[in-house]
Amino acid sequence: MEGQSGDVIVTPANRKCSAVTGSARKIKDNAADWHNLMMRWDKLNEEGFNVAGNIVNIKLTRSQSDQLLLVDESSSSSSAGLQQGGGAELQDECCKLQDVINKMVAVVTKMERLMTSQRGIRDLEEFQFGPEGRKFPLFLTWNTKHFEEASRVLLDSFRQELRLKQSILQELAHTATSDLCMVYLSCWLHQPFTPPHTRLTLEALLLETGHRPL
């Protein structure tokens, strides 16, 4: 996240409850995991943007080479060499971008496990205390349903963003126009499916569980 670095670690200094156990302990650990996974995602997003930029640059260079070939037929042998070299380089960068996507898939898979864990905590609370849950909040004001809803907002955002990234991977190397390449790069960088509201949801989760000071 912007302006943040490092993992969230549970310490006595950021603990709002003197003895955090049971459901509260698990929810607090899940909140820290959400933060760390989103930090990991942001690093992968930056890495992927750099690789995607390399792919676009290679494509633009090959396009310019094709234009020179049309202008000067005598340069066909050198242009062919550039195309072959560029093709290998392009393939290499596409493999790098695929590797980034694979790591993003792993991040989202871990987010899905957090969602499953949060749903399980809610089910347990309803079993113990009834459909309305416990009378008093575990931390400040949220009940277990609120924690589950926050987790769902985060998971849905990153699932959609992952699908967008996968589409960009499929299309970027085959895009014919530089303008469309720039659109793909912009979409990758700005992540339209993880808007500020998504980040605010995480901050609210961290604040509620005591990872952020009031």
N, C-alpha and C. Protein backbone atom coordinates (compact mmCIF):
# COMPACT_ATOMS: atom_id res chain seq x y z
N MET A 1 0.84 -1.18 0.00
CA MET A 1 0.00 0.00 0.00
C MET A 1 0.88 1.23 0.00
N GLU A 2 0.39 2.29 -0.55
CA GLU A 2 1.15 3.50 -0.64
C GLU A 2 1.43 4.03 0.75
N GLY A 3 2.69 4.43 0.95
CA GLY A 3 3.07 5.00 2.22
C GLY A 3 3.24 3.99 3.33
N GLN A 4 3.11 2.72 3.02
CA GLN A 4 3.24 1.67 4.01
C GLN A 4 4.33 0.71 3.54
N SER A 5 5.02 0.11 4.47
CA SER A 5 6.01 -0.89 4.10
C SER A 5 6.11 -1.91 5.22
N GLY A 6 6.52 -3.13 4.87
CA GLY A 6 6.70 -4.17 5.86
C GLY A 6 5.42 -4.87 6.23
N ASP A 7 5.60 -6.00 6.93
CA ASP A 7 4.46 -6.81 7.34
C ASP A 7 3.83 -6.23 8.59
N VAL A 8 2.54 -6.50 8.76
CA VAL A 8 1.86 -6.18 10.01
C VAL A 8 2.12 -7.30 10.98
N ILE A 9 2.67 -6.99 12.14
CA ILE A 9 3.01 -7.99 13.14
C ILE A 9 2.25 -7.68 14.42
N VAL A 10 1.64 -8.70 15.00
CA VAL A 10 0.90 -8.51 16.24
C VAL A 10 1.87 -8.33 17.39
N THR A 11 1.79 -7.22 18.11
CA THR A 11 2.64 -6.94 19.26
C THR A 11 1.78 -6.39 20.38
N PRO A 12 2.30 -6.40 21.62
CA PRO A 12 1.54 -5.80 22.72
C PRO A 12 1.23 -4.34 22.49
N ALA A 13 2.08 -3.64 21.74
CA ALA A 13 1.90 -2.21 21.51
C ALA A 13 0.67 -1.91 20.66
N ASN A 14 0.36 -2.79 19.69
CA ASN A 14 -0.80 -2.50 18.83
C ASN A 14 -2.00 -3.35 19.20
N ARG A 15 -1.95 -4.07 20.30
CA ARG A 15 -3.05 -4.93 20.72
C ARG A 15 -4.02 -4.11 21.58
N LYS A 16 -5.27 -4.11 21.18
CA LYS A 16 -6.28 -3.33 21.89
C LYS A 16 -6.92 -4.13 23.02
N CYS A 17 -6.76 -5.42 22.99
CA CYS A 17 -7.32 -6.26 24.05
C CYS A 17 -6.16 -6.85 24.85
N SER A 18 -6.30 -6.93 26.16
CA SER A 18 -5.22 -7.42 27.00
C SER A 18 -4.95 -8.89 26.76
N ALA A 19 -5.96 -9.66 26.41
CA ALA A 19 -5.79 -11.08 26.14
C ALA A 19 -6.66 -11.44 24.94
N VAL A 20 -6.04 -11.47 23.76
CA VAL A 20 -6.78 -11.74 22.53
C VAL A 20 -6.70 -13.23 22.26
N THR A 21 -7.83 -13.91 22.36
CA THR A 21 -7.86 -15.35 22.17
C THR A 21 -9.07 -15.74 21.32
N GLY A 22 -9.15 -17.02 20.99
CA GLY A 22 -10.31 -17.54 20.29
C GLY A 22 -10.58 -16.84 18.97
N SER A 23 -11.85 -16.49 18.74
CA SER A 23 -12.24 -15.85 17.49
C SER A 23 -11.52 -14.52 17.28
N ALA A 24 -11.35 -13.75 18.35
CA ALA A 24 -10.67 -12.46 18.24
C ALA A 24 -9.23 -12.64 17.78
N ARG A 25 -8.56 -13.65 18.31
CA ARG A 25 -7.17 -13.93 17.91
C ARG A 25 -7.09 -14.25 16.42
N LYS A 26 -8.00 -15.11 15.96
CA LYS A 26 -7.99 -15.53 14.56
C LYS A 26 -8.33 -14.36 13.64
N ILE A 27 -9.31 -13.55 14.02
CA ILE A 27 -9.68 -12.40 13.19
C ILE A 27 -8.53 -11.41 13.10
N LYS A 28 -7.86 -11.19 14.23
CA LYS A 28 -6.73 -10.25 14.22
C LYS A 28 -5.59 -10.77 13.34
N ASP A 29 -5.32 -12.06 13.42
CA ASP A 29 -4.29 -12.65 12.55
C ASP A 29 -4.70 -12.56 11.08
N ASN A 30 -5.97 -12.79 10.79
CA ASN A 30 -6.46 -12.68 9.41
C ASN A 30 -6.28 -11.26 8.87
N ALA A 31 -6.54 -10.26 9.72
CA ALA A 31 -6.37 -8.86 9.29
C ALA A 31 -4.92 -8.59 8.92
N ALA A 32 -4.00 -9.10 9.72
CA ALA A 32 -2.58 -8.92 9.40
C ALA A 32 -2.23 -9.63 8.09
N ASP A 33 -2.81 -10.81 7.88
CA ASP A 33 -2.56 -11.55 6.63
C ASP A 33 -3.11 -10.78 5.42
N TRP A 34 -4.28 -10.17 5.56
CA TRP A 34 -4.81 -9.35 4.46
C TRP A 34 -3.84 -8.24 4.09
N HIS A 35 -3.33 -7.56 5.09
CA HIS A 35 -2.37 -6.48 4.83
C HIS A 35 -1.14 -7.00 4.10
N ASN A 36 -0.58 -8.10 4.59
CA ASN A 36 0.64 -8.63 4.00
C ASN A 36 0.43 -9.14 2.58
N LEU A 37 -0.71 -9.75 2.32
CA LEU A 37 -1.01 -10.22 0.97
C LEU A 37 -1.21 -9.05 0.00
N MET A 38 -1.83 -7.99 0.47
CA MET A 38 -2.01 -6.82 -0.40
C MET A 38 -0.69 -6.12 -0.66
N MET A 39 0.21 -6.12 0.33
CA MET A 39 1.56 -5.60 0.11
C MET A 39 2.28 -6.43 -0.95
N ARG A 40 2.15 -7.74 -0.86
CA ARG A 40 2.75 -8.65 -1.84
C ARG A 40 2.18 -8.38 -3.23
N TRP A 41 0.86 -8.20 -3.30
CA TRP A 41 0.22 -7.91 -4.58
C TRP A 41 0.78 -6.63 -5.19
N ASP A 42 0.93 -5.59 -4.39
CA ASP A 42 1.41 -4.31 -4.91
C ASP A 42 2.82 -4.44 -5.49
N LYS A 43 3.67 -5.23 -4.83
CA LYS A 43 5.01 -5.46 -5.36
C LYS A 43 4.96 -6.21 -6.70
N LEU A 44 4.08 -7.21 -6.78
CA LEU A 44 3.93 -7.94 -8.03
C LEU A 44 3.36 -7.06 -9.12
N ASN A 45 2.44 -6.16 -8.75
CA ASN A 45 1.86 -5.26 -9.73
C ASN A 45 2.93 -4.35 -10.34
N GLU A 46 3.81 -3.85 -9.51
CA GLU A 46 4.90 -3.00 -10.00
C GLU A 46 5.85 -3.79 -10.90
N GLU A 47 6.17 -5.01 -10.47
CA GLU A 47 7.04 -5.88 -11.28
C GLU A 47 6.39 -6.17 -12.62
N GLY A 48 5.11 -6.50 -12.61
CA GLY A 48 4.41 -6.82 -13.85
C GLY A 48 4.31 -5.61 -14.77
N PHE A 49 4.12 -4.44 -14.21
CA PHE A 49 4.05 -3.23 -15.04
C PHE A 49 5.36 -3.00 -15.77
N ASN A 50 6.48 -3.22 -15.10
CA ASN A 50 7.78 -3.05 -15.75
C ASN A 50 7.96 -4.05 -16.89
N VAL A 51 7.54 -5.29 -16.67
CA VAL A 51 7.65 -6.31 -17.72
C VAL A 51 6.71 -5.98 -18.88
N ALA A 52 5.48 -5.57 -18.57
CA ALA A 52 4.53 -5.19 -19.62
C ALA A 52 5.07 -4.02 -20.43
N GLY A 53 5.73 -3.07 -19.76
CA GLY A 53 6.35 -1.96 -20.48
C GLY A 53 7.43 -2.43 -21.43
N ASN A 54 8.21 -3.43 -21.02
CA ASN A 54 9.22 -3.99 -21.90
C ASN A 54 8.58 -4.63 -23.13
N ILE A 55 7.47 -5.32 -22.94
CA ILE A 55 6.77 -5.95 -24.07
C ILE A 55 6.31 -4.89 -25.06
N VAL A 56 5.74 -3.81 -24.56
CA VAL A 56 5.28 -2.73 -25.44
C VAL A 56 6.45 -2.12 -26.20
N ASN A 57 7.57 -1.88 -25.53
CA ASN A 57 8.74 -1.30 -26.19
C ASN A 57 9.27 -2.20 -27.30
N ILE A 58 9.28 -3.50 -27.04
CA ILE A 58 9.74 -4.45 -28.06
C ILE A 58 8.80 -4.41 -29.27
N LYS A 59 7.51 -4.38 -29.01
CA LYS A 59 6.54 -4.34 -30.10
C LYS A 59 6.67 -3.06 -30.92
N LEU A 60 6.89 -1.93 -30.25
CA LEU A 60 7.05 -0.67 -30.98
C LEU A 60 8.32 -0.68 -31.83
N THR A 61 9.38 -1.28 -31.29
CA THR A 61 10.62 -1.39 -32.05
C THR A 61 10.44 -2.26 -33.28
N ARG A 62 9.72 -3.37 -33.13
CA ARG A 62 9.46 -4.25 -34.27
C ARG A 62 8.57 -3.56 -35.30
N SER A 63 7.62 -2.78 -34.83
CA SER A 63 6.75 -2.05 -35.76
C SER A 63 7.54 -1.04 -36.59
N GLN A 64 8.46 -0.35 -35.94
CA GLN A 64 9.30 0.60 -36.66
C GLN A 64 10.19 -0.12 -37.67
N SER A 65 10.66 -1.31 -37.29
CA SER A 65 11.48 -2.10 -38.20
C SER A 65 10.69 -2.52 -39.43
N ASP A 66 9.42 -2.88 -39.23
CA ASP A 66 8.56 -3.25 -40.35
C ASP A 66 8.35 -2.09 -41.30
N GLN A 67 8.21 -0.90 -40.74
CA GLN A 67 8.02 0.29 -41.57
C GLN A 67 9.26 0.58 -42.41
N LEU A 68 10.45 0.39 -41.80
CA LEU A 68 11.69 0.60 -42.54
C LEU A 68 11.82 -0.41 -43.67
N LEU A 69 11.35 -1.62 -43.43
CA LEU A 69 11.42 -2.67 -44.45
C LEU A 69 10.57 -2.29 -45.66
N LEU A 70 9.44 -1.69 -45.43
CA LEU A 70 8.59 -1.27 -46.53
C LEU A 70 9.21 -0.13 -47.32
N VAL A 71 9.94 0.73 -46.62
CA VAL A 71 10.54 1.89 -47.28
C VAL A 71 11.77 1.48 -48.08
N ASP A 72 12.56 0.59 -47.49
CA ASP A 72 13.83 0.22 -48.12
C ASP A 72 13.94 -1.29 -48.17
N GLU A 73 13.64 -1.88 -49.34
CA GLU A 73 13.69 -3.33 -49.49
C GLU A 73 15.10 -3.88 -49.30
N SER A 74 16.11 -3.05 -49.51
CA SER A 74 17.48 -3.51 -49.38
C SER A 74 17.85 -3.82 -47.94
N SER A 75 17.04 -3.34 -47.02
CA SER A 75 17.35 -3.58 -45.60
C SER A 75 16.64 -4.82 -45.08
N SER A 76 16.12 -5.64 -45.98
CA SER A 76 15.29 -6.78 -45.56
C SER A 76 16.06 -7.75 -44.68
N SER A 77 17.32 -8.02 -45.01
CA SER A 77 18.07 -8.99 -44.22
C SER A 77 18.30 -8.50 -42.80
N SER A 78 18.66 -7.22 -42.64
CA SER A 78 18.89 -6.70 -41.29
C SER A 78 17.58 -6.60 -40.53
N SER A 79 16.50 -6.23 -41.20
CA SER A 79 15.20 -6.14 -40.53
C SER A 79 14.74 -7.51 -40.08
N ALA A 80 14.98 -8.51 -40.92
CA ALA A 80 14.60 -9.87 -40.55
C ALA A 80 15.34 -10.31 -39.30
N GLY A 81 16.63 -9.92 -39.22
CA GLY A 81 17.41 -10.25 -38.04
C GLY A 81 16.84 -9.60 -36.80
N LEU A 82 16.43 -8.34 -36.94
CA LEU A 82 15.83 -7.64 -35.80
C LEU A 82 14.53 -8.31 -35.36
N GLN A 83 13.74 -8.74 -36.35
CA GLN A 83 12.47 -9.37 -36.02
C GLN A 83 12.67 -10.69 -35.29
N GLN A 84 13.66 -11.48 -35.75
CA GLN A 84 13.91 -12.75 -35.11
C GLN A 84 14.40 -12.54 -33.67
N GLY A 85 15.35 -11.59 -33.51
CA GLY A 85 15.85 -11.29 -32.18
C GLY A 85 14.76 -10.74 -31.29
N GLY A 86 13.96 -9.84 -31.86
CA GLY A 86 12.86 -9.26 -31.11
C GLY A 86 11.83 -10.29 -30.71
N GLY A 87 11.62 -11.28 -31.59
CA GLY A 87 10.65 -12.32 -31.29
C GLY A 87 11.07 -13.14 -30.08
N ALA A 88 12.35 -13.48 -30.00
CA ALA A 88 12.85 -14.25 -28.86
C ALA A 88 12.76 -13.43 -27.58
N GLU A 89 13.11 -12.16 -27.70
CA GLU A 89 13.06 -11.27 -26.54
C GLU A 89 11.61 -11.08 -26.07
N LEU A 90 10.71 -10.96 -27.05
CA LEU A 90 9.30 -10.79 -26.72
C LEU A 90 8.77 -12.03 -25.99
N GLN A 91 9.14 -13.19 -26.47
CA GLN A 91 8.70 -14.43 -25.83
C GLN A 91 9.21 -14.52 -24.40
N ASP A 92 10.45 -14.08 -24.21
CA ASP A 92 11.05 -14.12 -22.88
C ASP A 92 10.30 -13.21 -21.92
N GLU A 93 9.95 -12.01 -22.38
CA GLU A 93 9.22 -11.07 -21.52
C GLU A 93 7.80 -11.57 -21.24
N CYS A 94 7.19 -12.21 -22.22
CA CYS A 94 5.85 -12.77 -22.00
C CYS A 94 5.90 -13.87 -20.94
N CYS A 95 6.96 -14.66 -20.95
CA CYS A 95 7.11 -15.69 -19.91
C CYS A 95 7.28 -15.07 -18.54
N LYS A 96 8.02 -13.96 -18.49
CA LYS A 96 8.18 -13.25 -17.21
C LYS A 96 6.84 -12.72 -16.71
N LEU A 97 6.04 -12.19 -17.62
CA LEU A 97 4.74 -11.66 -17.22
C LEU A 97 3.82 -12.80 -16.77
N GLN A 98 3.91 -13.95 -17.43
CA GLN A 98 3.13 -15.12 -17.00
C GLN A 98 3.53 -15.55 -15.60
N ASP A 99 4.82 -15.47 -15.30
CA ASP A 99 5.30 -15.83 -13.96
C ASP A 99 4.72 -14.89 -12.91
N VAL A 100 4.65 -13.59 -13.23
CA VAL A 100 4.05 -12.63 -12.31
C VAL A 100 2.57 -12.97 -12.08
N ILE A 101 1.87 -13.29 -13.17
CA ILE A 101 0.46 -13.65 -13.05
C ILE A 101 0.29 -14.88 -12.18
N ASN A 102 1.16 -15.87 -12.35
CA ASN A 102 1.07 -17.09 -11.54
C ASN A 102 1.22 -16.78 -10.05
N LYS A 103 2.12 -15.84 -9.74
CA LYS A 103 2.30 -15.44 -8.34
C LYS A 103 1.08 -14.69 -7.83
N MET A 104 0.45 -13.91 -8.71
CA MET A 104 -0.78 -13.20 -8.33
C MET A 104 -1.92 -14.20 -8.07
N VAL A 105 -1.98 -15.25 -8.86
CA VAL A 105 -2.96 -16.31 -8.63
C VAL A 105 -2.76 -16.92 -7.24
N ALA A 106 -1.50 -17.14 -6.87
CA ALA A 106 -1.20 -17.70 -5.55
C ALA A 106 -1.65 -16.76 -4.44
N VAL A 107 -1.48 -15.45 -4.65
CA VAL A 107 -1.92 -14.46 -3.65
C VAL A 107 -3.44 -14.51 -3.49
N VAL A 108 -4.16 -14.54 -4.60
CA VAL A 108 -5.62 -14.56 -4.54
C VAL A 108 -6.11 -15.87 -3.92
N THR A 109 -5.41 -16.96 -4.18
CA THR A 109 -5.77 -18.24 -3.55
C THR A 109 -5.67 -18.15 -2.03
N LYS A 110 -4.63 -17.49 -1.55
CA LYS A 110 -4.48 -17.30 -0.10
C LYS A 110 -5.57 -16.37 0.44
N MET A 111 -5.96 -15.38 -0.36
CA MET A 111 -7.06 -14.50 0.05
C MET A 111 -8.37 -15.28 0.16
N GLU A 112 -8.57 -16.23 -0.74
CA GLU A 112 -9.77 -17.08 -0.68
C GLU A 112 -9.78 -17.91 0.60
N ARG A 113 -8.60 -18.36 1.03
CA ARG A 113 -8.52 -19.12 2.27
C ARG A 113 -8.86 -18.23 3.47
N LEU A 114 -8.44 -16.98 3.42
CA LEU A 114 -8.80 -16.05 4.49
C LEU A 114 -10.31 -15.85 4.54
N MET A 115 -10.93 -15.75 3.36
CA MET A 115 -12.37 -15.59 3.30
C MET A 115 -13.07 -16.82 3.89
N THR A 116 -12.57 -18.01 3.57
CA THR A 116 -13.13 -19.24 4.11
C THR A 116 -12.99 -19.28 5.63
N SER A 117 -11.83 -18.84 6.11
CA SER A 117 -11.59 -18.79 7.55
C SER A 117 -12.55 -17.83 8.23
N GLN A 118 -12.75 -16.66 7.63
CA GLN A 118 -13.64 -15.67 8.21
C GLN A 118 -15.09 -16.16 8.24
N ARG A 119 -15.49 -16.85 7.18
CA ARG A 119 -16.84 -17.41 7.13
C ARG A 119 -17.01 -18.48 8.22
N GLY A 120 -15.96 -19.25 8.43
CA GLY A 120 -16.01 -20.27 9.47
C GLY A 120 -16.14 -19.66 10.86
N ILE A 121 -15.46 -18.55 11.10
CA ILE A 121 -15.57 -17.86 12.39
C ILE A 121 -17.00 -17.36 12.60
N ARG A 122 -17.58 -16.82 11.55
CA ARG A 122 -18.96 -16.34 11.68
C ARG A 122 -19.91 -17.51 11.99
N ASP A 123 -19.74 -18.63 11.28
CA ASP A 123 -20.60 -19.79 11.53
C ASP A 123 -20.46 -20.27 12.96
N LEU A 124 -19.22 -20.27 13.46
CA LEU A 124 -18.99 -20.71 14.84
C LEU A 124 -19.67 -19.77 15.84
N GLU A 125 -19.54 -18.46 15.57
CA GLU A 125 -20.17 -17.48 16.47
C GLU A 125 -21.69 -17.64 16.46
N GLU A 126 -22.27 -17.88 15.30
CA GLU A 126 -23.73 -18.06 15.23
C GLU A 126 -24.15 -19.34 15.93
N PHE A 127 -23.32 -20.37 15.84
CA PHE A 127 -23.62 -21.62 16.54
C PHE A 127 -23.59 -21.43 18.06
N GLN A 128 -22.62 -20.62 18.51
CA GLN A 128 -22.45 -20.42 19.94
C GLN A 128 -23.46 -19.43 20.53
N PHE A 129 -23.76 -18.38 19.77
CA PHE A 129 -24.55 -17.27 20.33
C PHE A 129 -25.88 -17.03 19.62
N GLY A 130 -26.17 -17.80 18.56
CA GLY A 130 -27.41 -17.60 17.84
C GLY A 130 -27.21 -16.76 16.58
N PRO A 131 -28.26 -16.59 15.77
CA PRO A 131 -28.15 -15.88 14.49
C PRO A 131 -27.64 -14.45 14.61
N GLU A 132 -27.90 -13.80 15.72
CA GLU A 132 -27.47 -12.42 15.91
C GLU A 132 -26.03 -12.31 16.39
N GLY A 133 -25.41 -13.44 16.71
CA GLY A 133 -24.04 -13.40 17.18
C GLY A 133 -23.94 -12.94 18.62
N ARG A 134 -22.72 -12.70 19.09
CA ARG A 134 -22.51 -12.28 20.46
C ARG A 134 -23.02 -10.85 20.67
N LYS A 135 -23.37 -10.52 21.90
CA LYS A 135 -23.97 -9.23 22.19
C LYS A 135 -22.96 -8.09 22.14
N PHE A 136 -21.71 -8.39 22.47
CA PHE A 136 -20.69 -7.36 22.53
C PHE A 136 -19.64 -7.61 21.44
N PRO A 137 -19.10 -6.54 20.83
CA PRO A 137 -18.11 -6.72 19.76
C PRO A 137 -16.81 -7.31 20.30
N LEU A 138 -16.09 -7.99 19.43
CA LEU A 138 -14.82 -8.59 19.82
C LEU A 138 -13.74 -7.53 20.04
N PHE A 139 -13.84 -6.43 19.30
CA PHE A 139 -12.82 -5.38 19.39
C PHE A 139 -13.45 -4.04 19.73
N LEU A 140 -13.77 -3.24 18.71
CA LEU A 140 -14.33 -1.91 18.95
C LEU A 140 -15.84 -1.88 18.70
N THR A 141 -16.23 -2.05 17.43
CA THR A 141 -17.66 -1.95 17.10
C THR A 141 -18.15 -3.05 16.18
N TRP A 142 -17.27 -3.73 15.43
CA TRP A 142 -17.70 -4.69 14.41
C TRP A 142 -18.11 -6.02 15.04
N ASN A 143 -19.13 -6.65 14.42
CA ASN A 143 -19.43 -8.04 14.73
C ASN A 143 -18.78 -8.93 13.68
N THR A 144 -18.91 -10.26 13.83
CA THR A 144 -18.23 -11.17 12.91
C THR A 144 -18.77 -11.05 11.48
N LYS A 145 -20.06 -10.70 11.35
CA LYS A 145 -20.62 -10.51 10.01
C LYS A 145 -19.93 -9.35 9.30
N HIS A 146 -19.62 -8.30 10.02
CA HIS A 146 -18.95 -7.14 9.43
C HIS A 146 -17.55 -7.52 8.95
N PHE A 147 -16.85 -8.33 9.73
CA PHE A 147 -15.52 -8.78 9.31
C PHE A 147 -15.61 -9.62 8.04
N GLU A 148 -16.63 -10.46 7.97
CA GLU A 148 -16.82 -11.28 6.76
C GLU A 148 -17.13 -10.41 5.55
N GLU A 149 -17.96 -9.41 5.73
CA GLU A 149 -18.31 -8.52 4.62
C GLU A 149 -17.08 -7.75 4.13
N ALA A 150 -16.24 -7.30 5.05
CA ALA A 150 -15.01 -6.60 4.66
C ALA A 150 -14.09 -7.53 3.87
N SER A 151 -13.99 -8.77 4.32
CA SER A 151 -13.16 -9.75 3.60
C SER A 151 -13.71 -10.01 2.21
N ARG A 152 -15.04 -10.05 2.08
CA ARG A 152 -15.64 -10.29 0.77
C ARG A 152 -15.36 -9.13 -0.19
N VAL A 153 -15.43 -7.91 0.32
CA VAL A 153 -15.12 -6.74 -0.51
C VAL A 153 -13.69 -6.84 -1.05
N LEU A 154 -12.76 -7.18 -0.18
CA LEU A 154 -11.36 -7.28 -0.60
C LEU A 154 -11.17 -8.41 -1.60
N LEU A 155 -11.74 -9.58 -1.31
CA LEU A 155 -11.56 -10.72 -2.20
C LEU A 155 -12.17 -10.46 -3.57
N ASP A 156 -13.38 -9.93 -3.62
CA ASP A 156 -14.03 -9.66 -4.90
C ASP A 156 -13.20 -8.69 -5.75
N SER A 157 -12.63 -7.67 -5.11
CA SER A 157 -11.82 -6.70 -5.84
C SER A 157 -10.61 -7.35 -6.48
N PHE A 158 -9.91 -8.17 -5.72
CA PHE A 158 -8.68 -8.76 -6.25
C PHE A 158 -8.97 -9.91 -7.22
N ARG A 159 -10.08 -10.58 -7.05
CA ARG A 159 -10.46 -11.57 -8.07
C ARG A 159 -10.68 -10.91 -9.42
N GLN A 160 -11.42 -9.79 -9.41
CA GLN A 160 -11.68 -9.07 -10.67
C GLN A 160 -10.39 -8.50 -11.25
N GLU A 161 -9.55 -7.99 -10.39
CA GLU A 161 -8.29 -7.42 -10.87
C GLU A 161 -7.41 -8.51 -11.48
N LEU A 162 -7.42 -9.69 -10.88
CA LEU A 162 -6.65 -10.80 -11.43
C LEU A 162 -7.16 -11.17 -12.82
N ARG A 163 -8.48 -11.21 -13.00
CA ARG A 163 -9.03 -11.53 -14.33
C ARG A 163 -8.60 -10.48 -15.36
N LEU A 164 -8.57 -9.23 -14.95
CA LEU A 164 -8.11 -8.17 -15.85
C LEU A 164 -6.65 -8.39 -16.23
N LYS A 165 -5.83 -8.71 -15.26
CA LYS A 165 -4.40 -8.94 -15.52
C LYS A 165 -4.22 -10.12 -16.49
N GLN A 166 -5.01 -11.16 -16.30
CA GLN A 166 -4.91 -12.33 -17.19
C GLN A 166 -5.32 -11.96 -18.61
N SER A 167 -6.31 -11.11 -18.76
CA SER A 167 -6.73 -10.66 -20.09
C SER A 167 -5.64 -9.82 -20.75
N ILE A 168 -5.01 -8.95 -19.97
CA ILE A 168 -3.93 -8.14 -20.51
C ILE A 168 -2.79 -9.02 -20.99
N LEU A 169 -2.47 -10.04 -20.21
CA LEU A 169 -1.41 -10.97 -20.60
C LEU A 169 -1.72 -11.61 -21.95
N GLN A 170 -2.97 -12.01 -22.16
CA GLN A 170 -3.36 -12.67 -23.39
C GLN A 170 -3.32 -11.74 -24.60
N GLU A 171 -3.62 -10.46 -24.38
CA GLU A 171 -3.79 -9.53 -25.49
C GLU A 171 -2.57 -8.68 -25.80
N LEU A 172 -1.75 -8.39 -24.80
CA LEU A 172 -0.72 -7.36 -24.95
C LEU A 172 0.26 -7.65 -26.09
N ALA A 173 0.74 -8.88 -26.16
CA ALA A 173 1.75 -9.22 -27.17
C ALA A 173 1.17 -9.27 -28.58
N HIS A 174 -0.18 -9.31 -28.71
CA HIS A 174 -0.81 -9.41 -30.02
C HIS A 174 -1.51 -8.13 -30.44
N THR A 175 -1.36 -7.08 -29.64
CA THR A 175 -2.04 -5.82 -29.93
C THR A 175 -1.37 -5.11 -31.09
N ALA A 176 -2.18 -4.65 -32.04
CA ALA A 176 -1.64 -4.08 -33.27
C ALA A 176 -1.29 -2.60 -33.16
N THR A 177 -1.96 -1.87 -32.29
CA THR A 177 -1.75 -0.43 -32.23
C THR A 177 -1.08 -0.01 -30.93
N SER A 178 -0.25 1.02 -31.01
CA SER A 178 0.44 1.52 -29.83
C SER A 178 -0.54 2.14 -28.84
N ASP A 179 -1.61 2.75 -29.36
CA ASP A 179 -2.60 3.37 -28.46
C ASP A 179 -3.25 2.32 -27.56
N LEU A 180 -3.61 1.18 -28.13
CA LEU A 180 -4.22 0.13 -27.33
C LEU A 180 -3.23 -0.45 -26.33
N CYS A 181 -1.96 -0.53 -26.73
CA CYS A 181 -0.92 -0.98 -25.79
C CYS A 181 -0.86 -0.05 -24.58
N MET A 182 -0.96 1.25 -24.83
CA MET A 182 -0.93 2.22 -23.73
C MET A 182 -2.14 2.06 -22.82
N VAL A 183 -3.28 1.73 -23.41
CA VAL A 183 -4.47 1.50 -22.61
C VAL A 183 -4.26 0.31 -21.68
N TYR A 184 -3.70 -0.77 -22.21
CA TYR A 184 -3.43 -1.95 -21.38
C TYR A 184 -2.45 -1.63 -20.26
N LEU A 185 -1.40 -0.88 -20.59
CA LEU A 185 -0.42 -0.50 -19.57
C LEU A 185 -1.07 0.34 -18.47
N SER A 186 -1.92 1.27 -18.89
CA SER A 186 -2.60 2.13 -17.92
C SER A 186 -3.51 1.31 -17.01
N CYS A 187 -4.23 0.35 -17.60
CA CYS A 187 -5.12 -0.51 -16.80
C CYS A 187 -4.31 -1.34 -15.80
N TRP A 188 -3.17 -1.84 -16.25
CA TRP A 188 -2.34 -2.63 -15.35
C TRP A 188 -1.86 -1.77 -14.18
N LEU A 189 -1.40 -0.57 -14.47
CA LEU A 189 -0.82 0.28 -13.43
C LEU A 189 -1.86 0.77 -12.43
N HIS A 190 -3.00 1.24 -12.93
CA HIS A 190 -3.97 1.93 -12.07
C HIS A 190 -4.98 0.99 -11.41
N GLN A 191 -5.05 -0.26 -11.84
CA GLN A 191 -5.86 -1.28 -11.18
C GLN A 191 -7.29 -0.81 -10.90
N PRO A 192 -8.11 -0.70 -11.94
CA PRO A 192 -9.46 -0.14 -11.76
C PRO A 192 -10.36 -0.94 -10.82
N PHE A 193 -10.07 -2.22 -10.59
CA PHE A 193 -10.92 -3.03 -9.72
C PHE A 193 -10.48 -3.01 -8.25
N THR A 194 -9.40 -2.29 -7.96
CA THR A 194 -9.00 -2.09 -6.56
C THR A 194 -8.93 -0.58 -6.30
N PRO A 195 -10.08 0.08 -6.28
CA PRO A 195 -10.13 1.53 -6.10
C PRO A 195 -9.78 1.92 -4.66
N PRO A 196 -9.73 3.22 -4.36
CA PRO A 196 -9.41 3.66 -2.99
C PRO A 196 -10.31 3.04 -1.93
N HIS A 197 -11.57 2.76 -2.29
CA HIS A 197 -12.48 2.15 -1.33
C HIS A 197 -11.94 0.81 -0.83
N THR A 198 -11.27 0.06 -1.69
CA THR A 198 -10.71 -1.21 -1.29
C THR A 198 -9.63 -1.01 -0.24
N ARG A 199 -8.78 -0.01 -0.45
CA ARG A 199 -7.72 0.28 0.51
C ARG A 199 -8.30 0.80 1.83
N LEU A 200 -9.34 1.58 1.73
CA LEU A 200 -9.99 2.07 2.95
C LEU A 200 -10.61 0.93 3.75
N THR A 201 -11.13 -0.07 3.04
CA THR A 201 -11.68 -1.24 3.72
C THR A 201 -10.60 -1.95 4.52
N LEU A 202 -9.43 -2.10 3.92
CA LEU A 202 -8.32 -2.72 4.65
C LEU A 202 -7.93 -1.89 5.86
N GLU A 203 -7.83 -0.56 5.68
CA GLU A 203 -7.45 0.30 6.80
C GLU A 203 -8.48 0.22 7.93
N ALA A 204 -9.75 0.15 7.58
CA ALA A 204 -10.79 0.01 8.59
C ALA A 204 -10.65 -1.32 9.34
N LEU A 205 -10.30 -2.37 8.60
CA LEU A 205 -10.09 -3.68 9.20
C LEU A 205 -8.91 -3.65 10.17
N LEU A 206 -7.82 -3.00 9.77
CA LEU A 206 -6.64 -2.91 10.62
C LEU A 206 -6.91 -2.04 11.85
N LEU A 207 -7.67 -0.98 11.65
CA LEU A 207 -8.02 -0.10 12.77
C LEU A 207 -8.91 -0.82 13.77
N GLU A 208 -9.90 -1.51 13.27
CA GLU A 208 -10.83 -2.23 14.14
C GLU A 208 -10.14 -3.29 14.98
N THR A 209 -9.13 -3.96 14.41
CA THR A 209 -8.45 -5.06 15.11
C THR A 209 -7.23 -4.60 15.92
N GLY A 210 -6.95 -3.29 15.90
CA GLY A 210 -5.88 -2.77 16.72
C GLY A 210 -4.53 -2.73 16.07
N HIS A 211 -4.44 -3.06 14.77
CA HIS A 211 -3.16 -2.98 14.07
C HIS A 211 -2.81 -1.52 13.72
N ARG A 212 -3.80 -0.67 13.69
CA ARG A 212 -3.59 0.75 13.47
C ARG A 212 -4.05 1.50 14.73
N PRO A 213 -3.28 2.49 15.18
CA PRO A 213 -3.69 3.24 16.38
C PRO A 213 -4.88 4.14 16.07
N LEU A 214 -5.72 4.36 17.06
CA LEU A 214 -6.85 5.27 16.92
C LEU A 214 -6.36 6.71 16.89
